[in-house]
Amino acid sequence: MKATYKYHRIGIPTQIPREDETYIAKFKIYTSGYESSPYGVEWLRFEPDSPMPELIKRVPHVAFEVTDLQEALKGKKY
């Protein structure tokens, strides 16, 4: 069965602190905006030693919900 995709959010890295940030200690990241954005915009501010991949820390990215993750990853390089 083919996986289907549903838009979830866009993550945008920033270095500017925001009032409504939530800190996620495990990833050393501050997140904000997602709960209040009608378009699923989430601002991401990383601590210098965050364990997240450099690509995520530097480049905006779109996230999707998928019905079958294994099927969605077939044939993809990741």
PDB file of N, CA and C in Angstrom:
ATOM      1  N   MET A   1       0.844  -1.188   0.000  1.00  0.00           N
ATOM      2  CA  MET A   1       0.000   0.000   0.000  1.00  0.00           C
ATOM      3  C   MET A   1       0.885   1.246   0.000  1.00  0.00           C
ATOM      4  N   LYS A   2       0.565   2.182  -0.844  1.00  0.00           N
ATOM      5  CA  LYS A   2       1.333   3.413  -0.955  1.00  0.00           C
ATOM      6  C   LYS A   2       1.068   4.309   0.255  1.00  0.00           C
ATOM      7  N   ALA A   3       2.138   4.891   0.821  1.00  0.00           N
ATOM      8  CA  ALA A   3       2.002   5.808   1.957  1.00  0.00           C
ATOM      9  C   ALA A   3       1.380   7.115   1.480  1.00  0.00           C
ATOM     10  N   THR A   4       0.549   7.705   2.310  1.00  0.00           N
ATOM     11  CA  THR A   4       0.008   9.026   2.019  1.00  0.00           C
ATOM     12  C   THR A   4       0.641  10.037   2.967  1.00  0.00           C
ATOM     13  N   TYR A   5       0.761  11.252   2.485  1.00  0.00           N
ATOM     14  CA  TYR A   5       1.418  12.320   3.218  1.00  0.00           C
ATOM     15  C   TYR A   5       0.427  13.417   3.576  1.00  0.00           C
ATOM     16  N   LYS A   6       0.572  13.984   4.780  1.00  0.00           N
ATOM     17  CA  LYS A   6      -0.253  15.107   5.215  1.00  0.00           C
ATOM     18  C   LYS A   6       0.680  16.167   5.794  1.00  0.00           C
ATOM     19  N   TYR A   7       0.571  17.401   5.318  1.00  0.00           N
ATOM     20  CA  TYR A   7       1.410  18.487   5.831  1.00  0.00           C
ATOM     21  C   TYR A   7       1.254  18.591   7.343  1.00  0.00           C
ATOM     22  N   HIS A   8       2.368  18.758   8.050  1.00  0.00           N
ATOM     23  CA  HIS A   8       2.343  18.892   9.505  1.00  0.00           C
ATOM     24  C   HIS A   8       2.825  20.266   9.938  1.00  0.00           C
ATOM     25  N   ARG A   9       4.023  20.668   9.484  1.00  0.00           N
ATOM     26  CA  ARG A   9       4.560  21.962   9.883  1.00  0.00           C
ATOM     27  C   ARG A   9       5.764  22.313   9.026  1.00  0.00           C
ATOM     28  N   ILE A  10       6.205  23.567   9.166  1.00  0.00           N
ATOM     29  CA  ILE A  10       7.480  23.996   8.618  1.00  0.00           C
ATOM     30  C   ILE A  10       8.324  24.452   9.797  1.00  0.00           C
ATOM     31  N   GLY A  11       9.541  23.937   9.874  1.00  0.00           N
ATOM     32  CA  GLY A  11      10.476  24.320  10.930  1.00  0.00           C
ATOM     33  C   GLY A  11      11.474  25.316  10.378  1.00  0.00           C
ATOM     34  N   ILE A  12      11.596  26.464  11.046  1.00  0.00           N
ATOM     35  CA  ILE A  12      12.491  27.515  10.575  1.00  0.00           C
ATOM     36  C   ILE A  12      13.518  27.823  11.655  1.00  0.00           C
ATOM     37  N   PRO A  13      14.790  27.537  11.392  1.00  0.00           N
ATOM     38  CA  PRO A  13      15.830  27.859  12.370  1.00  0.00           C
ATOM     39  C   PRO A  13      15.958  29.371  12.551  1.00  0.00           C
ATOM     40  N   THR A  14      16.229  29.779  13.768  1.00  0.00           N
ATOM     41  CA  THR A  14      16.432  31.191  14.081  1.00  0.00           C
ATOM     42  C   THR A  14      17.446  31.310  15.202  1.00  0.00           C
ATOM     43  N   GLN A  15      18.027  32.467  15.341  1.00  0.00           N
ATOM     44  CA  GLN A  15      18.922  32.741  16.459  1.00  0.00           C
ATOM     45  C   GLN A  15      18.301  33.778  17.386  1.00  0.00           C
ATOM     46  N   ILE A  16      17.107  34.205  17.062  1.00  0.00           N
ATOM     47  CA  ILE A  16      16.426  35.247  17.835  1.00  0.00           C
ATOM     48  C   ILE A  16      15.509  34.618  18.876  1.00  0.00           C
ATOM     49  N   PRO A  17      15.724  34.903  20.170  1.00  0.00           N
ATOM     50  CA  PRO A  17      14.824  34.383  21.214  1.00  0.00           C
ATOM     51  C   PRO A  17      13.410  34.946  21.028  1.00  0.00           C
ATOM     52  N   ARG A  18      12.409  34.125  21.350  1.00  0.00           N
ATOM     53  CA  ARG A  18      11.014  34.542  21.240  1.00  0.00           C
ATOM     54  C   ARG A  18      10.349  34.375  22.604  1.00  0.00           C
ATOM     55  N   GLU A  19       9.340  35.179  22.883  1.00  0.00           N
ATOM     56  CA  GLU A  19       8.664  35.170  24.186  1.00  0.00           C
ATOM     57  C   GLU A  19       8.046  33.834  24.553  1.00  0.00           C
ATOM     58  N   ASP A  20       7.469  33.161  23.602  1.00  0.00           N
ATOM     59  CA  ASP A  20       6.689  31.954  23.893  1.00  0.00           C
ATOM     60  C   ASP A  20       7.473  30.656  23.703  1.00  0.00           C
ATOM     61  N   GLU A  21       8.794  30.697  23.840  1.00  0.00           N
ATOM     62  CA  GLU A  21       9.613  29.509  23.604  1.00  0.00           C
ATOM     63  C   GLU A  21       9.388  28.415  24.649  1.00  0.00           C
ATOM     64  N   THR A  22       9.487  27.194  24.174  1.00  0.00           N
ATOM     65  CA  THR A  22       9.495  26.012  25.033  1.00  0.00           C
ATOM     66  C   THR A  22      10.857  25.358  24.864  1.00  0.00           C
ATOM     67  N   TYR A  23      11.492  24.999  25.980  1.00  0.00           N
ATOM     68  CA  TYR A  23      12.819  24.386  25.914  1.00  0.00           C
ATOM     69  C   TYR A  23      12.690  22.871  25.978  1.00  0.00           C
ATOM     70  N   ILE A  24      13.375  22.185  25.071  1.00  0.00           N
ATOM     71  CA  ILE A  24      13.417  20.723  25.060  1.00  0.00           C
ATOM     72  C   ILE A  24      14.857  20.333  25.378  1.00  0.00           C
ATOM     73  N   ALA A  25      15.114  19.979  26.641  1.00  0.00           N
ATOM     74  CA  ALA A  25      16.468  19.737  27.134  1.00  0.00           C
ATOM     75  C   ALA A  25      17.181  18.612  26.393  1.00  0.00           C
ATOM     76  N   LYS A  26      16.462  17.539  26.098  1.00  0.00           N
ATOM     77  CA  LYS A  26      17.075  16.383  25.432  1.00  0.00           C
ATOM     78  C   LYS A  26      17.768  16.775  24.119  1.00  0.00           C
ATOM     79  N   PHE A  27      17.180  17.714  23.402  1.00  0.00           N
ATOM     80  CA  PHE A  27      17.713  18.137  22.109  1.00  0.00           C
ATOM     81  C   PHE A  27      18.391  19.499  22.153  1.00  0.00           C
ATOM     82  N   LYS A  28      18.360  20.153  23.324  1.00  0.00           N
ATOM     83  CA  LYS A  28      18.961  21.478  23.508  1.00  0.00           C
ATOM     84  C   LYS A  28      18.437  22.453  22.452  1.00  0.00           C
ATOM     85  N   ILE A  29      17.109  22.542  22.418  1.00  0.00           N
ATOM     86  CA  ILE A  29      16.424  23.351  21.419  1.00  0.00           C
ATOM     87  C   ILE A  29      15.269  24.111  22.067  1.00  0.00           C
ATOM     88  N   TYR A  30      15.042  25.317  21.586  1.00  0.00           N
ATOM     89  CA  TYR A  30      13.883  26.119  21.971  1.00  0.00           C
ATOM     90  C   TYR A  30      12.931  26.118  20.783  1.00  0.00           C
ATOM     91  N   THR A  31      11.669  25.844  21.030  1.00  0.00           N
ATOM     92  CA  THR A  31      10.683  25.858  19.950  1.00  0.00           C
ATOM     93  C   THR A  31       9.600  26.875  20.278  1.00  0.00           C
ATOM     94  N   SER A  32       9.002  27.440  19.255  1.00  0.00           N
ATOM     95  CA  SER A  32       7.900  28.383  19.477  1.00  0.00           C
ATOM     96  C   SER A  32       7.084  28.540  18.206  1.00  0.00           C
ATOM     97  N   GLY A  33       5.866  28.996  18.384  1.00  0.00           N
ATOM     98  CA  GLY A  33       5.021  29.362  17.262  1.00  0.00           C
ATOM     99  C   GLY A  33       4.068  28.309  16.747  1.00  0.00           C
ATOM    100  N   TYR A  34       4.429  27.046  16.860  1.00  0.00           N
ATOM    101  CA  TYR A  34       3.615  26.007  16.235  1.00  0.00           C
ATOM    102  C   TYR A  34       2.176  26.002  16.746  1.00  0.00           C
ATOM    103  N   GLU A  35       2.000  26.097  18.053  1.00  0.00           N
ATOM    104  CA  GLU A  35       0.651  26.027  18.635  1.00  0.00           C
ATOM    105  C   GLU A  35      -0.236  27.199  18.223  1.00  0.00           C
ATOM    106  N   SER A  36       0.379  28.346  17.938  1.00  0.00           N
ATOM    107  CA  SER A  36      -0.414  29.533  17.616  1.00  0.00           C
ATOM    108  C   SER A  36      -0.449  29.863  16.119  1.00  0.00           C
ATOM    109  N   SER A  37       0.291  29.147  15.319  1.00  0.00           N
ATOM    110  CA  SER A  37       0.356  29.451  13.887  1.00  0.00           C
ATOM    111  C   SER A  37      -0.725  28.704  13.111  1.00  0.00           C
ATOM    112  N   PRO A  38      -1.547  29.418  12.352  1.00  0.00           N
ATOM    113  CA  PRO A  38      -2.554  28.725  11.540  1.00  0.00           C
ATOM    114  C   PRO A  38      -1.931  27.951  10.374  1.00  0.00           C
ATOM    115  N   TYR A  39      -0.650  28.185  10.104  1.00  0.00           N
ATOM    116  CA  TYR A  39       0.015  27.536   8.971  1.00  0.00           C
ATOM    117  C   TYR A  39       1.058  26.506   9.411  1.00  0.00           C
ATOM    118  N   GLY A  40       1.155  26.248  10.710  1.00  0.00           N
ATOM    119  CA  GLY A  40       2.106  25.258  11.203  1.00  0.00           C
ATOM    120  C   GLY A  40       3.548  25.722  11.160  1.00  0.00           C
ATOM    121  N   VAL A  41       3.779  27.026  11.363  1.00  0.00           N
ATOM    122  CA  VAL A  41       5.148  27.546  11.396  1.00  0.00           C
ATOM    123  C   VAL A  41       5.722  27.334  12.794  1.00  0.00           C
ATOM    124  N   GLU A  42       6.891  26.707  12.859  1.00  0.00           N
ATOM    125  CA  GLU A  42       7.565  26.489  14.132  1.00  0.00           C
ATOM    126  C   GLU A  42       8.970  27.078  14.049  1.00  0.00           C
ATOM    127  N   TRP A  43       9.265  27.994  14.973  1.00  0.00           N
ATOM    128  CA  TRP A  43      10.588  28.587  15.058  1.00  0.00           C
ATOM    129  C   TRP A  43      11.455  27.694  15.932  1.00  0.00           C
ATOM    130  N   LEU A  44      12.698  27.439  15.499  1.00  0.00           N
ATOM    131  CA  LEU A  44      13.608  26.543  16.191  1.00  0.00           C
ATOM    132  C   LEU A  44      14.916  27.283  16.499  1.00  0.00           C
ATOM    133  N   ARG A  45      15.242  27.361  17.791  1.00  0.00           N
ATOM    134  CA  ARG A  45      16.501  27.997  18.194  1.00  0.00           C
ATOM    135  C   ARG A  45      17.322  26.963  18.952  1.00  0.00           C
ATOM    136  N   PHE A  46      18.525  26.703  18.487  1.00  0.00           N
ATOM    137  CA  PHE A  46      19.357  25.634  19.002  1.00  0.00           C
ATOM    138  C   PHE A  46      20.483  26.164  19.879  1.00  0.00           C
ATOM    139  N   GLU A  47      20.802  25.427  20.927  1.00  0.00           N
ATOM    140  CA  GLU A  47      21.998  25.734  21.695  1.00  0.00           C
ATOM    141  C   GLU A  47      23.202  25.280  20.860  1.00  0.00           C
ATOM    142  N   PRO A  48      24.372  25.899  21.062  1.00  0.00           N
ATOM    143  CA  PRO A  48      25.542  25.548  20.242  1.00  0.00           C
ATOM    144  C   PRO A  48      25.888  24.061  20.258  1.00  0.00           C
ATOM    145  N   ASP A  49      25.640  23.374  21.363  1.00  0.00           N
ATOM    146  CA  ASP A  49      25.980  21.952  21.458  1.00  0.00           C
ATOM    147  C   ASP A  49      24.768  21.032  21.293  1.00  0.00           C
ATOM    148  N   SER A  50      23.740  21.526  20.624  1.00  0.00           N
ATOM    149  CA  SER A  50      22.559  20.699  20.354  1.00  0.00           C
ATOM    150  C   SER A  50      22.972  19.470  19.544  1.00  0.00           C
ATOM    151  N   PRO A  51      22.443  18.290  19.885  1.00  0.00           N
ATOM    152  CA  PRO A  51      22.791  17.078  19.145  1.00  0.00           C
ATOM    153  C   PRO A  51      22.047  16.914  17.814  1.00  0.00           C
ATOM    154  N   MET A  52      21.205  17.863  17.472  1.00  0.00           N
ATOM    155  CA  MET A  52      20.445  17.756  16.229  1.00  0.00           C
ATOM    156  C   MET A  52      21.368  17.875  15.020  1.00  0.00           C
ATOM    157  N   PRO A  53      21.009  17.248  13.895  1.00  0.00           N
ATOM    158  CA  PRO A  53      21.839  17.333  12.682  1.00  0.00           C
ATOM    159  C   PRO A  53      22.018  18.785  12.222  1.00  0.00           C
ATOM    160  N   GLU A  54      23.188  19.087  11.695  1.00  0.00           N
ATOM    161  CA  GLU A  54      23.483  20.446  11.235  1.00  0.00           C
ATOM    162  C   GLU A  54      22.466  20.924  10.198  1.00  0.00           C
ATOM    163  N   LEU A  55      22.023  20.047   9.333  1.00  0.00           N
ATOM    164  CA  LEU A  55      21.049  20.425   8.310  1.00  0.00           C
ATOM    165  C   LEU A  55      19.771  20.975   8.945  1.00  0.00           C
ATOM    166  N   ILE A  56      19.289  20.321   9.986  1.00  0.00           N
ATOM    167  CA  ILE A  56      18.077  20.773  10.680  1.00  0.00           C
ATOM    168  C   ILE A  56      18.316  22.108  11.377  1.00  0.00           C
ATOM    169  N   LYS A  57      19.540  22.300  11.884  1.00  0.00           N
ATOM    170  CA  LYS A  57      19.869  23.529  12.607  1.00  0.00           C
ATOM    171  C   LYS A  57      20.038  24.729  11.683  1.00  0.00           C
ATOM    172  N   ARG A  58      20.250  24.488  10.404  1.00  0.00           N
ATOM    173  CA  ARG A  58      20.588  25.587   9.485  1.00  0.00           C
ATOM    174  C   ARG A  58      19.577  25.841   8.362  1.00  0.00           C
ATOM    175  N   VAL A  59      18.796  24.828   8.003  1.00  0.00           N
ATOM    176  CA  VAL A  59      17.948  24.947   6.812  1.00  0.00           C
ATOM    177  C   VAL A  59      16.476  24.759   7.185  1.00  0.00           C
ATOM    178  N   PRO A  60      15.574  25.654   6.747  1.00  0.00           N
ATOM    179  CA  PRO A  60      14.147  25.419   6.969  1.00  0.00           C
ATOM    180  C   PRO A  60      13.734  24.088   6.350  1.00  0.00           C
ATOM    181  N   HIS A  61      12.774  23.437   6.979  1.00  0.00           N
ATOM    182  CA  HIS A  61      12.347  22.129   6.477  1.00  0.00           C
ATOM    183  C   HIS A  61      10.847  21.945   6.699  1.00  0.00           C
ATOM    184  N   VAL A  62      10.246  21.163   5.848  1.00  0.00           N
ATOM    185  CA  VAL A  62       8.822  20.850   5.938  1.00  0.00           C
ATOM    186  C   VAL A  62       8.686  19.447   6.507  1.00  0.00           C
ATOM    187  N   ALA A  63       7.756  19.281   7.432  1.00  0.00           N
ATOM    188  CA  ALA A  63       7.502  17.966   8.033  1.00  0.00           C
ATOM    189  C   ALA A  63       6.111  17.487   7.625  1.00  0.00           C
ATOM    190  N   PHE A  64       6.013  16.188   7.364  1.00  0.00           N
ATOM    191  CA  PHE A  64       4.757  15.565   6.980  1.00  0.00           C
ATOM    192  C   PHE A  64       4.432  14.418   7.924  1.00  0.00           C
ATOM    193  N   GLU A  65       3.153  14.161   8.101  1.00  0.00           N
ATOM    194  CA  GLU A  65       2.699  12.939   8.752  1.00  0.00           C
ATOM    195  C   GLU A  65       2.498  11.936   7.626  1.00  0.00           C
ATOM    196  N   VAL A  66       2.906  10.692   7.861  1.00  0.00           N
ATOM    197  CA  VAL A  66       2.727   9.659   6.833  1.00  0.00           C
ATOM    198  C   VAL A  66       1.958   8.482   7.421  1.00  0.00           C
ATOM    199  N   THR A  67       1.223   7.803   6.577  1.00  0.00           N
ATOM    200  CA  THR A  67       0.433   6.660   7.041  1.00  0.00           C
ATOM    201  C   THR A  67       1.296   5.433   7.276  1.00  0.00           C
ATOM    202  N   ASP A  68       2.425   5.334   6.561  1.00  0.00           N
ATOM    203  CA  ASP A  68       3.299   4.172   6.706  1.00  0.00           C
ATOM    204  C   ASP A  68       4.740   4.643   6.510  1.00  0.00           C
ATOM    205  N   LEU A  69       5.461   4.833   7.598  1.00  0.00           N
ATOM    206  CA  LEU A  69       6.815   5.372   7.530  1.00  0.00           C
ATOM    207  C   LEU A  69       7.745   4.475   6.730  1.00  0.00           C
ATOM    208  N   GLN A  70       7.689   3.167   6.943  1.00  0.00           N
ATOM    209  CA  GLN A  70       8.564   2.257   6.202  1.00  0.00           C
ATOM    210  C   GLN A  70       8.327   2.345   4.704  1.00  0.00           C
ATOM    211  N   GLU A  71       7.084   2.428   4.324  1.00  0.00           N
ATOM    212  CA  GLU A  71       6.748   2.538   2.894  1.00  0.00           C
ATOM    213  C   GLU A  71       7.223   3.887   2.350  1.00  0.00           C
ATOM    214  N   ALA A  72       7.059   4.940   3.113  1.00  0.00           N
ATOM    215  CA  ALA A  72       7.460   6.274   2.667  1.00  0.00           C
ATOM    216  C   ALA A  72       8.979   6.376   2.495  1.00  0.00           C
ATOM    217  N   LEU A  73       9.741   5.593   3.259  1.00  0.00           N
ATOM    218  CA  LEU A  73      11.203   5.638   3.192  1.00  0.00           C
ATOM    219  C   LEU A  73      11.800   4.720   2.128  1.00  0.00           C
ATOM    220  N   LYS A  74      10.989   3.828   1.581  1.00  0.00           N
ATOM    221  CA  LYS A  74      11.508   2.895   0.570  1.00  0.00           C
ATOM    222  C   LYS A  74      12.129   3.649  -0.603  1.00  0.00           C
ATOM    223  N   GLY A  75      13.356   3.253  -0.925  1.00  0.00           N
ATOM    224  CA  GLY A  75      14.042   3.840  -2.069  1.00  0.00           C
ATOM    225  C   GLY A  75      14.624   5.217  -1.820  1.00  0.00           C
ATOM    226  N   LYS A  76      14.467   5.752  -0.605  1.00  0.00           N
ATOM    227  CA  LYS A  76      14.989   7.077  -0.282  1.00  0.00           C
ATOM    228  C   LYS A  76      16.356   6.950   0.371  1.00  0.00           C
ATOM    229  N   LYS A  77      17.203   7.933   0.125  1.00  0.00           N
ATOM    230  CA  LYS A  77      18.505   8.013   0.808  1.00  0.00           C
ATOM    231  C   LYS A  77      18.321   8.949   1.985  1.00  0.00           C
ATOM    232  N   TYR A  78      18.687   8.480   3.171  1.00  0.00           N
ATOM    233  CA  TYR A  78      18.554   9.306   4.373  1.00  0.00           C
ATOM    234  C   TYR A  78      19.685   9.063   5.330  1.00  0.00           C
TER     235      TYR A  78
END
